[in-house]
């Protein structure tokens, strides 16, 4: 496996002025936009507490099923193949958005 020798550029999202998108696109390199979403409604709700973020997202539940992916705590958020490569280390299930969010919160 190769060694990563350069760091990804971090750009502080300017407040009240546009991002230098033309320059960033022309550079053709990955960029992290730090603070870009700080004032988005979901981010604001999530800073209050997780339940506020869930309540915000539930407003968009249109009643159609979504695919929710869940894995055991042992996978630590790393969705991948099972150890024996015979399957996956997570499950996919069609559920309502509200039910999925409630399950994540419990």
Foldseek 3Di string as FASTA:
>chain_A
DDDDDDDAAEAEQDPPDHDPVVVVVVVVGHYHHPPPCCPPPLNVLVVVDLVSSLVVVVVPFPPFWDKDKDADCVCVPPWDAPPVNPGTRIDIDTDTSNVRSVVVVD
